[in-house]
Amino acid sequence: VSTHTSAALTRPDLSYFGKMASMTEPPKLVVVNSISVLPGRAAAFESLIKSDVLPTMKKADVIGYFVSQTLFGGDVYEYTTVIFENSFADIGKGSPLVRVLGQEGAARFFAKTVGVISRQERGIARYMADLSFAPAP
């Protein structure tokens, strides 16, 4: 009935490629987190990703953690993060932040986001090869 098109800038400087380069097929699932940053707080958000999130994702040994930034067609203060997973069982283990930092450490991290992040929306998407484009082998 309707469509929505937007343009996003990939942010390799805020991403962790982990095991993605050595995989022969894409992960089956992704946890997608849309994050709205308060105006004027983009640098603080990016600093938190670099100082806290990326080291945690590496320690959690996630398949990959990618970040993009909305440029056109959406919230100009929006970043999208994607954590790649292979099963719902992996997702069921909980957030990599909680797994690595523990409940108290994760709470300390989330306290740092107060005054930086205004909203988050999380979802799960499934990769379907028969409905996807891929480069020729």
N, C-alpha and C. Protein backbone atom coordinates (compact mmCIF):
# COMPACT_ATOMS: atom_id res chain seq x y z
N VAL A 1 0.82 -1.19 0.00
CA VAL A 1 0.00 0.00 0.00
C VAL A 1 0.86 1.25 0.00
N SER A 2 2.03 1.16 0.66
CA SER A 2 2.91 2.32 0.68
C SER A 2 4.36 1.85 0.77
N THR A 3 5.25 2.77 0.49
CA THR A 3 6.68 2.49 0.63
C THR A 3 7.35 3.66 1.33
N HIS A 4 8.49 3.41 1.86
CA HIS A 4 9.29 4.45 2.49
C HIS A 4 10.74 4.22 2.08
N THR A 5 11.37 5.23 1.56
CA THR A 5 12.76 5.12 1.13
C THR A 5 13.61 6.08 1.95
N SER A 6 14.76 5.60 2.37
CA SER A 6 15.68 6.46 3.09
C SER A 6 17.09 6.15 2.64
N ALA A 7 18.01 7.03 2.96
CA ALA A 7 19.42 6.82 2.65
C ALA A 7 20.20 6.85 3.96
N ALA A 8 21.08 5.87 4.10
CA ALA A 8 21.89 5.78 5.33
C ALA A 8 23.36 5.69 4.96
N LEU A 9 24.18 6.23 5.81
CA LEU A 9 25.62 6.18 5.66
C LEU A 9 26.16 5.06 6.53
N THR A 10 26.87 4.09 5.94
CA THR A 10 27.48 3.05 6.74
C THR A 10 28.62 3.67 7.54
N ARG A 11 28.80 3.19 8.75
CA ARG A 11 29.82 3.74 9.63
C ARG A 11 30.80 2.65 10.07
N PRO A 12 31.75 2.30 9.21
CA PRO A 12 32.74 1.28 9.58
C PRO A 12 33.55 1.66 10.81
N ASP A 13 33.71 2.96 11.06
CA ASP A 13 34.46 3.41 12.23
C ASP A 13 33.74 3.10 13.54
N LEU A 14 32.43 2.82 13.46
CA LEU A 14 31.64 2.49 14.63
C LEU A 14 31.21 1.02 14.62
N SER A 15 31.76 0.24 13.72
CA SER A 15 31.33 -1.15 13.52
C SER A 15 32.44 -2.14 13.86
N TYR A 16 32.02 -3.37 14.09
CA TYR A 16 32.94 -4.48 14.35
C TYR A 16 32.58 -5.60 13.37
N PHE A 17 33.51 -5.97 12.51
CA PHE A 17 33.22 -6.93 11.44
C PHE A 17 33.39 -8.37 11.87
N GLY A 18 34.02 -8.61 13.00
CA GLY A 18 34.09 -9.93 13.60
C GLY A 18 34.34 -11.06 12.61
N LYS A 19 33.43 -12.01 12.61
CA LYS A 19 33.55 -13.22 11.79
C LYS A 19 32.95 -13.06 10.40
N MET A 20 32.41 -11.88 10.09
CA MET A 20 31.70 -11.69 8.82
C MET A 20 32.57 -11.99 7.61
N ALA A 21 33.81 -11.59 7.60
CA ALA A 21 34.68 -11.76 6.44
C ALA A 21 34.95 -13.22 6.13
N SER A 22 34.95 -14.07 7.14
CA SER A 22 35.26 -15.48 6.92
C SER A 22 34.04 -16.36 6.71
N MET A 23 32.85 -15.78 6.75
CA MET A 23 31.63 -16.58 6.59
C MET A 23 31.35 -16.85 5.12
N THR A 24 30.88 -18.05 4.84
CA THR A 24 30.55 -18.40 3.46
C THR A 24 29.10 -18.08 3.12
N GLU A 25 28.25 -17.89 4.12
CA GLU A 25 26.87 -17.47 3.88
C GLU A 25 26.46 -16.48 4.97
N PRO A 26 25.50 -15.64 4.69
CA PRO A 26 25.11 -14.62 5.67
C PRO A 26 24.50 -15.24 6.92
N PRO A 27 24.60 -14.55 8.05
CA PRO A 27 23.90 -15.01 9.26
C PRO A 27 22.39 -15.04 9.00
N LYS A 28 21.70 -15.86 9.73
CA LYS A 28 20.27 -16.07 9.49
C LYS A 28 19.38 -14.98 10.10
N LEU A 29 19.86 -14.33 11.18
CA LEU A 29 19.04 -13.35 11.89
C LEU A 29 19.87 -12.11 12.23
N VAL A 30 19.16 -11.01 12.42
CA VAL A 30 19.80 -9.80 12.91
C VAL A 30 18.90 -9.15 13.95
N VAL A 31 19.53 -8.58 14.96
CA VAL A 31 18.81 -7.74 15.92
C VAL A 31 19.08 -6.31 15.49
N VAL A 32 18.01 -5.61 15.13
CA VAL A 32 18.11 -4.24 14.61
C VAL A 32 17.64 -3.27 15.69
N ASN A 33 18.47 -2.30 15.99
CA ASN A 33 18.14 -1.30 17.01
C ASN A 33 18.19 0.08 16.37
N SER A 34 17.04 0.74 16.29
CA SER A 34 16.96 2.11 15.79
C SER A 34 17.07 3.05 16.98
N ILE A 35 18.05 3.92 16.94
CA ILE A 35 18.36 4.78 18.08
C ILE A 35 18.27 6.23 17.65
N SER A 36 17.47 7.01 18.37
CA SER A 36 17.42 8.46 18.14
C SER A 36 18.29 9.13 19.19
N VAL A 37 19.23 9.93 18.71
CA VAL A 37 20.15 10.66 19.59
C VAL A 37 19.61 12.08 19.75
N LEU A 38 19.76 12.62 20.93
CA LEU A 38 19.31 13.99 21.17
C LEU A 38 20.12 14.97 20.30
N PRO A 39 19.49 16.03 19.80
CA PRO A 39 20.22 17.02 19.01
C PRO A 39 21.45 17.52 19.75
N GLY A 40 22.57 17.57 19.01
CA GLY A 40 23.82 18.05 19.58
C GLY A 40 24.59 17.00 20.36
N ARG A 41 24.10 15.76 20.42
CA ARG A 41 24.74 14.72 21.22
C ARG A 41 25.32 13.58 20.37
N ALA A 42 25.43 13.79 19.06
CA ALA A 42 25.96 12.74 18.17
C ALA A 42 27.39 12.37 18.54
N ALA A 43 28.23 13.34 18.83
CA ALA A 43 29.62 13.05 19.19
C ALA A 43 29.69 12.23 20.47
N ALA A 44 28.86 12.54 21.45
CA ALA A 44 28.84 11.78 22.70
C ALA A 44 28.38 10.35 22.44
N PHE A 45 27.37 10.18 21.59
CA PHE A 45 26.89 8.84 21.25
C PHE A 45 27.99 8.03 20.56
N GLU A 46 28.62 8.64 19.57
CA GLU A 46 29.68 7.94 18.84
C GLU A 46 30.85 7.59 19.76
N SER A 47 31.14 8.45 20.69
CA SER A 47 32.21 8.18 21.66
C SER A 47 31.85 6.97 22.53
N LEU A 48 30.60 6.86 22.95
CA LEU A 48 30.15 5.70 23.73
C LEU A 48 30.26 4.41 22.93
N ILE A 49 29.93 4.47 21.66
CA ILE A 49 30.05 3.28 20.80
C ILE A 49 31.52 2.84 20.77
N LYS A 50 32.42 3.80 20.53
CA LYS A 50 33.83 3.46 20.41
C LYS A 50 34.45 2.99 21.73
N SER A 51 34.12 3.66 22.83
CA SER A 51 34.77 3.35 24.10
C SER A 51 34.15 2.18 24.85
N ASP A 52 32.84 1.98 24.70
CA ASP A 52 32.16 0.97 25.50
C ASP A 52 31.58 -0.18 24.68
N VAL A 53 30.87 0.15 23.60
CA VAL A 53 30.14 -0.89 22.87
C VAL A 53 31.07 -1.77 22.04
N LEU A 54 31.95 -1.18 21.25
CA LEU A 54 32.82 -1.99 20.39
C LEU A 54 33.68 -2.97 21.18
N PRO A 55 34.34 -2.55 22.26
CA PRO A 55 35.12 -3.53 23.03
C PRO A 55 34.23 -4.67 23.59
N THR A 56 33.01 -4.32 23.97
CA THR A 56 32.10 -5.33 24.50
C THR A 56 31.68 -6.31 23.42
N MET A 57 31.40 -5.81 22.23
CA MET A 57 31.01 -6.70 21.13
C MET A 57 32.16 -7.64 20.77
N LYS A 58 33.38 -7.14 20.80
CA LYS A 58 34.54 -7.99 20.53
C LYS A 58 34.67 -9.07 21.60
N LYS A 59 34.53 -8.67 22.85
CA LYS A 59 34.64 -9.62 23.96
C LYS A 59 33.51 -10.65 23.92
N ALA A 60 32.33 -10.24 23.48
CA ALA A 60 31.18 -11.15 23.37
C ALA A 60 31.34 -12.08 22.18
N ASP A 61 32.31 -11.78 21.30
CA ASP A 61 32.57 -12.59 20.12
C ASP A 61 31.35 -12.70 19.21
N VAL A 62 30.65 -11.55 19.03
CA VAL A 62 29.49 -11.55 18.13
C VAL A 62 29.97 -11.75 16.69
N ILE A 63 29.09 -12.23 15.85
CA ILE A 63 29.42 -12.44 14.44
C ILE A 63 29.80 -11.12 13.79
N GLY A 64 29.04 -10.09 14.09
CA GLY A 64 29.31 -8.77 13.56
C GLY A 64 28.38 -7.76 14.19
N TYR A 65 28.82 -6.51 14.23
CA TYR A 65 28.05 -5.40 14.78
C TYR A 65 28.25 -4.22 13.84
N PHE A 66 27.19 -3.81 13.17
CA PHE A 66 27.29 -2.74 12.17
C PHE A 66 26.46 -1.55 12.60
N VAL A 67 26.95 -0.37 12.27
CA VAL A 67 26.25 0.87 12.57
C VAL A 67 26.09 1.67 11.28
N SER A 68 24.92 2.26 11.11
CA SER A 68 24.68 3.20 10.01
C SER A 68 23.99 4.43 10.58
N GLN A 69 24.07 5.51 9.82
CA GLN A 69 23.51 6.79 10.24
C GLN A 69 22.56 7.29 9.17
N THR A 70 21.33 7.60 9.55
CA THR A 70 20.33 8.08 8.59
C THR A 70 20.72 9.46 8.08
N LEU A 71 20.70 9.61 6.75
CA LEU A 71 21.02 10.90 6.13
C LEU A 71 19.78 11.58 5.56
N PHE A 72 18.96 10.81 4.84
CA PHE A 72 17.76 11.35 4.19
C PHE A 72 16.60 10.38 4.38
N GLY A 73 15.39 10.92 4.42
CA GLY A 73 14.20 10.09 4.45
C GLY A 73 13.82 9.55 5.81
N GLY A 74 14.35 10.15 6.86
CA GLY A 74 14.02 9.68 8.20
C GLY A 74 14.53 10.66 9.25
N ASP A 75 14.56 10.18 10.46
CA ASP A 75 15.03 10.96 11.60
C ASP A 75 16.51 11.30 11.39
N VAL A 76 16.84 12.57 11.29
CA VAL A 76 18.22 12.97 11.03
C VAL A 76 19.13 12.74 12.22
N TYR A 77 18.56 12.38 13.36
CA TYR A 77 19.34 12.07 14.55
C TYR A 77 19.35 10.56 14.81
N GLU A 78 19.03 9.77 13.78
CA GLU A 78 18.90 8.32 13.96
C GLU A 78 20.15 7.56 13.52
N TYR A 79 20.51 6.60 14.34
CA TYR A 79 21.53 5.61 14.02
C TYR A 79 20.84 4.25 14.07
N THR A 80 21.29 3.34 13.25
CA THR A 80 20.78 1.98 13.29
C THR A 80 21.95 1.05 13.57
N THR A 81 21.78 0.20 14.57
CA THR A 81 22.80 -0.80 14.87
C THR A 81 22.23 -2.17 14.55
N VAL A 82 23.10 -3.06 14.10
CA VAL A 82 22.70 -4.41 13.73
C VAL A 82 23.68 -5.39 14.36
N ILE A 83 23.15 -6.35 15.10
CA ILE A 83 23.97 -7.44 15.64
C ILE A 83 23.55 -8.70 14.89
N PHE A 84 24.51 -9.36 14.26
CA PHE A 84 24.23 -10.56 13.48
C PHE A 84 24.22 -11.80 14.38
N GLU A 85 23.24 -12.66 14.17
CA GLU A 85 23.08 -13.90 14.94
C GLU A 85 22.71 -15.04 13.99
N ASN A 86 22.94 -16.27 14.43
CA ASN A 86 22.58 -17.43 13.61
C ASN A 86 21.34 -18.16 14.06
N SER A 87 20.86 -17.87 15.28
CA SER A 87 19.68 -18.60 15.77
C SER A 87 18.95 -17.77 16.83
N PHE A 88 17.69 -18.16 17.05
CA PHE A 88 16.94 -17.52 18.13
C PHE A 88 17.53 -17.92 19.48
N ALA A 89 18.15 -19.09 19.56
CA ALA A 89 18.82 -19.51 20.80
C ALA A 89 19.95 -18.54 21.14
N ASP A 90 20.70 -18.10 20.12
CA ASP A 90 21.76 -17.11 20.35
C ASP A 90 21.17 -15.79 20.85
N ILE A 91 20.07 -15.36 20.23
CA ILE A 91 19.40 -14.13 20.66
C ILE A 91 18.87 -14.31 22.09
N GLY A 92 18.38 -15.50 22.39
CA GLY A 92 17.83 -15.79 23.71
C GLY A 92 18.85 -15.73 24.83
N LYS A 93 20.12 -15.74 24.50
CA LYS A 93 21.17 -15.61 25.53
C LYS A 93 21.21 -14.22 26.12
N GLY A 94 20.54 -13.27 25.48
CA GLY A 94 20.48 -11.91 25.98
C GLY A 94 21.45 -10.98 25.28
N SER A 95 21.36 -9.75 25.65
CA SER A 95 22.20 -8.70 25.08
C SER A 95 23.67 -9.00 25.32
N PRO A 96 24.51 -8.82 24.30
CA PRO A 96 25.95 -8.97 24.52
C PRO A 96 26.48 -8.05 25.62
N LEU A 97 25.87 -6.87 25.76
CA LEU A 97 26.29 -5.95 26.82
C LEU A 97 26.08 -6.56 28.20
N VAL A 98 24.92 -7.19 28.40
CA VAL A 98 24.62 -7.80 29.70
C VAL A 98 25.46 -9.05 29.90
N ARG A 99 25.63 -9.85 28.83
CA ARG A 99 26.42 -11.08 28.95
C ARG A 99 27.86 -10.78 29.36
N VAL A 100 28.45 -9.74 28.78
CA VAL A 100 29.85 -9.42 29.05
C VAL A 100 30.01 -8.58 30.32
N LEU A 101 29.19 -7.56 30.47
CA LEU A 101 29.36 -6.62 31.58
C LEU A 101 28.63 -7.04 32.85
N GLY A 102 27.67 -7.97 32.73
CA GLY A 102 26.82 -8.31 33.86
C GLY A 102 25.74 -7.27 34.04
N GLN A 103 24.77 -7.56 34.89
CA GLN A 103 23.65 -6.63 35.09
C GLN A 103 24.11 -5.26 35.60
N GLU A 104 25.01 -5.26 36.58
CA GLU A 104 25.46 -3.99 37.15
C GLU A 104 26.30 -3.19 36.15
N GLY A 105 27.18 -3.86 35.42
CA GLY A 105 28.00 -3.18 34.43
C GLY A 105 27.15 -2.62 33.30
N ALA A 106 26.15 -3.39 32.87
CA ALA A 106 25.24 -2.91 31.82
C ALA A 106 24.45 -1.72 32.32
N ALA A 107 24.00 -1.76 33.57
CA ALA A 107 23.27 -0.63 34.15
C ALA A 107 24.14 0.62 34.17
N ARG A 108 25.43 0.47 34.51
CA ARG A 108 26.35 1.62 34.49
C ARG A 108 26.49 2.17 33.07
N PHE A 109 26.59 1.25 32.07
CA PHE A 109 26.68 1.71 30.68
C PHE A 109 25.41 2.47 30.29
N PHE A 110 24.23 1.89 30.57
CA PHE A 110 22.98 2.53 30.16
C PHE A 110 22.80 3.88 30.86
N ALA A 111 23.34 4.03 32.06
CA ALA A 111 23.27 5.33 32.74
C ALA A 111 24.03 6.39 31.95
N LYS A 112 25.09 5.97 31.26
CA LYS A 112 25.86 6.90 30.44
C LYS A 112 25.07 7.43 29.24
N THR A 113 24.03 6.69 28.83
CA THR A 113 23.25 7.09 27.66
C THR A 113 22.17 8.12 27.99
N VAL A 114 21.93 8.34 29.29
CA VAL A 114 20.93 9.35 29.70
C VAL A 114 21.43 10.71 29.24
N GLY A 115 20.57 11.44 28.58
CA GLY A 115 20.95 12.75 28.04
C GLY A 115 21.64 12.66 26.69
N VAL A 116 21.79 11.43 26.17
CA VAL A 116 22.39 11.22 24.85
C VAL A 116 21.37 10.59 23.90
N ILE A 117 20.70 9.54 24.37
CA ILE A 117 19.72 8.82 23.55
C ILE A 117 18.32 9.22 24.00
N SER A 118 17.47 9.55 23.02
CA SER A 118 16.09 9.93 23.36
C SER A 118 15.12 8.77 23.18
N ARG A 119 15.43 7.81 22.27
CA ARG A 119 14.49 6.73 21.98
C ARG A 119 15.25 5.59 21.34
N GLN A 120 14.77 4.36 21.63
CA GLN A 120 15.30 3.17 20.95
C GLN A 120 14.13 2.27 20.57
N GLU A 121 14.27 1.62 19.45
CA GLU A 121 13.27 0.64 19.01
C GLU A 121 14.03 -0.56 18.47
N ARG A 122 13.74 -1.73 19.02
CA ARG A 122 14.50 -2.94 18.67
C ARG A 122 13.57 -3.95 17.99
N GLY A 123 14.13 -4.63 17.00
CA GLY A 123 13.39 -5.68 16.30
C GLY A 123 14.34 -6.77 15.82
N ILE A 124 13.75 -7.83 15.28
CA ILE A 124 14.52 -8.94 14.74
C ILE A 124 14.11 -9.12 13.28
N ALA A 125 15.10 -9.33 12.43
CA ALA A 125 14.83 -9.58 11.01
C ALA A 125 15.51 -10.89 10.62
N ARG A 126 14.91 -11.59 9.67
CA ARG A 126 15.44 -12.87 9.22
C ARG A 126 15.91 -12.74 7.78
N TYR A 127 17.07 -13.31 7.49
CA TYR A 127 17.60 -13.32 6.12
C TYR A 127 16.93 -14.44 5.34
N MET A 128 16.41 -14.11 4.17
CA MET A 128 15.76 -15.09 3.31
C MET A 128 16.47 -15.05 1.96
N ALA A 129 17.30 -16.06 1.69
CA ALA A 129 18.15 -16.08 0.50
C ALA A 129 17.32 -15.98 -0.78
N ASP A 130 16.18 -16.65 -0.83
CA ASP A 130 15.37 -16.66 -2.05
C ASP A 130 14.72 -15.30 -2.34
N LEU A 131 14.71 -14.41 -1.38
CA LEU A 131 14.14 -13.07 -1.59
C LEU A 131 15.22 -11.99 -1.58
N SER A 132 16.49 -12.39 -1.63
CA SER A 132 17.59 -11.45 -1.48
C SER A 132 18.49 -11.41 -2.70
N PHE A 133 19.16 -10.28 -2.87
CA PHE A 133 20.15 -10.13 -3.90
C PHE A 133 21.52 -10.46 -3.30
N ALA A 134 22.35 -11.10 -4.07
CA ALA A 134 23.71 -11.42 -3.61
C ALA A 134 24.64 -11.40 -4.82
N PRO A 135 25.90 -11.06 -4.60
CA PRO A 135 26.85 -11.08 -5.72
C PRO A 135 27.03 -12.50 -6.22
N ALA A 136 27.36 -12.62 -7.51
CA ALA A 136 27.59 -13.94 -8.09
C ALA A 136 28.82 -14.57 -7.42
N PRO A 137 28.78 -15.89 -7.19
CA PRO A 137 29.93 -16.55 -6.53
C PRO A 137 31.18 -16.54 -7.39
